[in-house]
């Protein structure tokens, strides 16, 4: 069994485990995500055989007390052949580190990874209800494009030196650019954020030509709703990246808020995470 000691927040954990899961499938090794054994209860993986609190506690303390070995993938581009050999040879081992990455193998097993991270029924139903309400409210002008926008604040004040901490005006400018490219469509904009003080009134006024919705769900509910949008926009983040993974949704990472919009795909962007 390979126990995966995940790093960061939920979407980071999903990607990291996905890489190790794919490596395990390729080499005939069972894997278990420590975070999804106890912390994020909204996915199919949480109900699978190995994912429970007992396994989490065993792996945590067995590694802490040196009863099972630990290998780390903490340096980008390093030679990890020794660590991979240990993963093949040891019956029990804990794997950690952000650079445990096998892109091609991930894509090979991507359908299985998506099945593991399928949303629970209640999460899907909440997303569907929000989408249905939007449709009902706009019968005179049916929504033809659902645009998901993730406004990342909080930790982005320091991430990359604040490089991707954008203002409300900058986000609105990007959204309006998108709408200008789709003048023939009725656009519903679903804005998810980790900013509890977001000026919603400003967005409603500045985007009066759109149907603006603030879902305000838990992390899985927001992720699920974004995954059902036709297009996604946000600062470079694994949250929008994972949302795009579910249905191969076109994703625009705002690296320069004044630049022209150019959408990418999960299969390419996940190789270029900041």
Foldseek 3Di string as FASTA:
>chain_A
DEEEAFDDDDLSLLQVVLFVCLVCVVLVHDYEYLCLLPPDPFFQLVVDDQRHPVNNVCLVVCPVVVVAEEDEDADPPDDCPVVVVCVNPDNYYYYYYSRSGDLVSSVVCVVVSLNRGPGDPVLLVLLVVVVVVLQVVQVVAGADFEEEEEQEDDVCCPVVVVQFNDDPVLVLLQVVLVCVVVVVGAYEYEYEYPDPPDPVVVSCVSPVSHRYHDSPDPLSSSLSNLLPGQEYEYAQDSSNLVSCSNPQHWYFHCNDSVDRTDTDTSSPCVVPHD
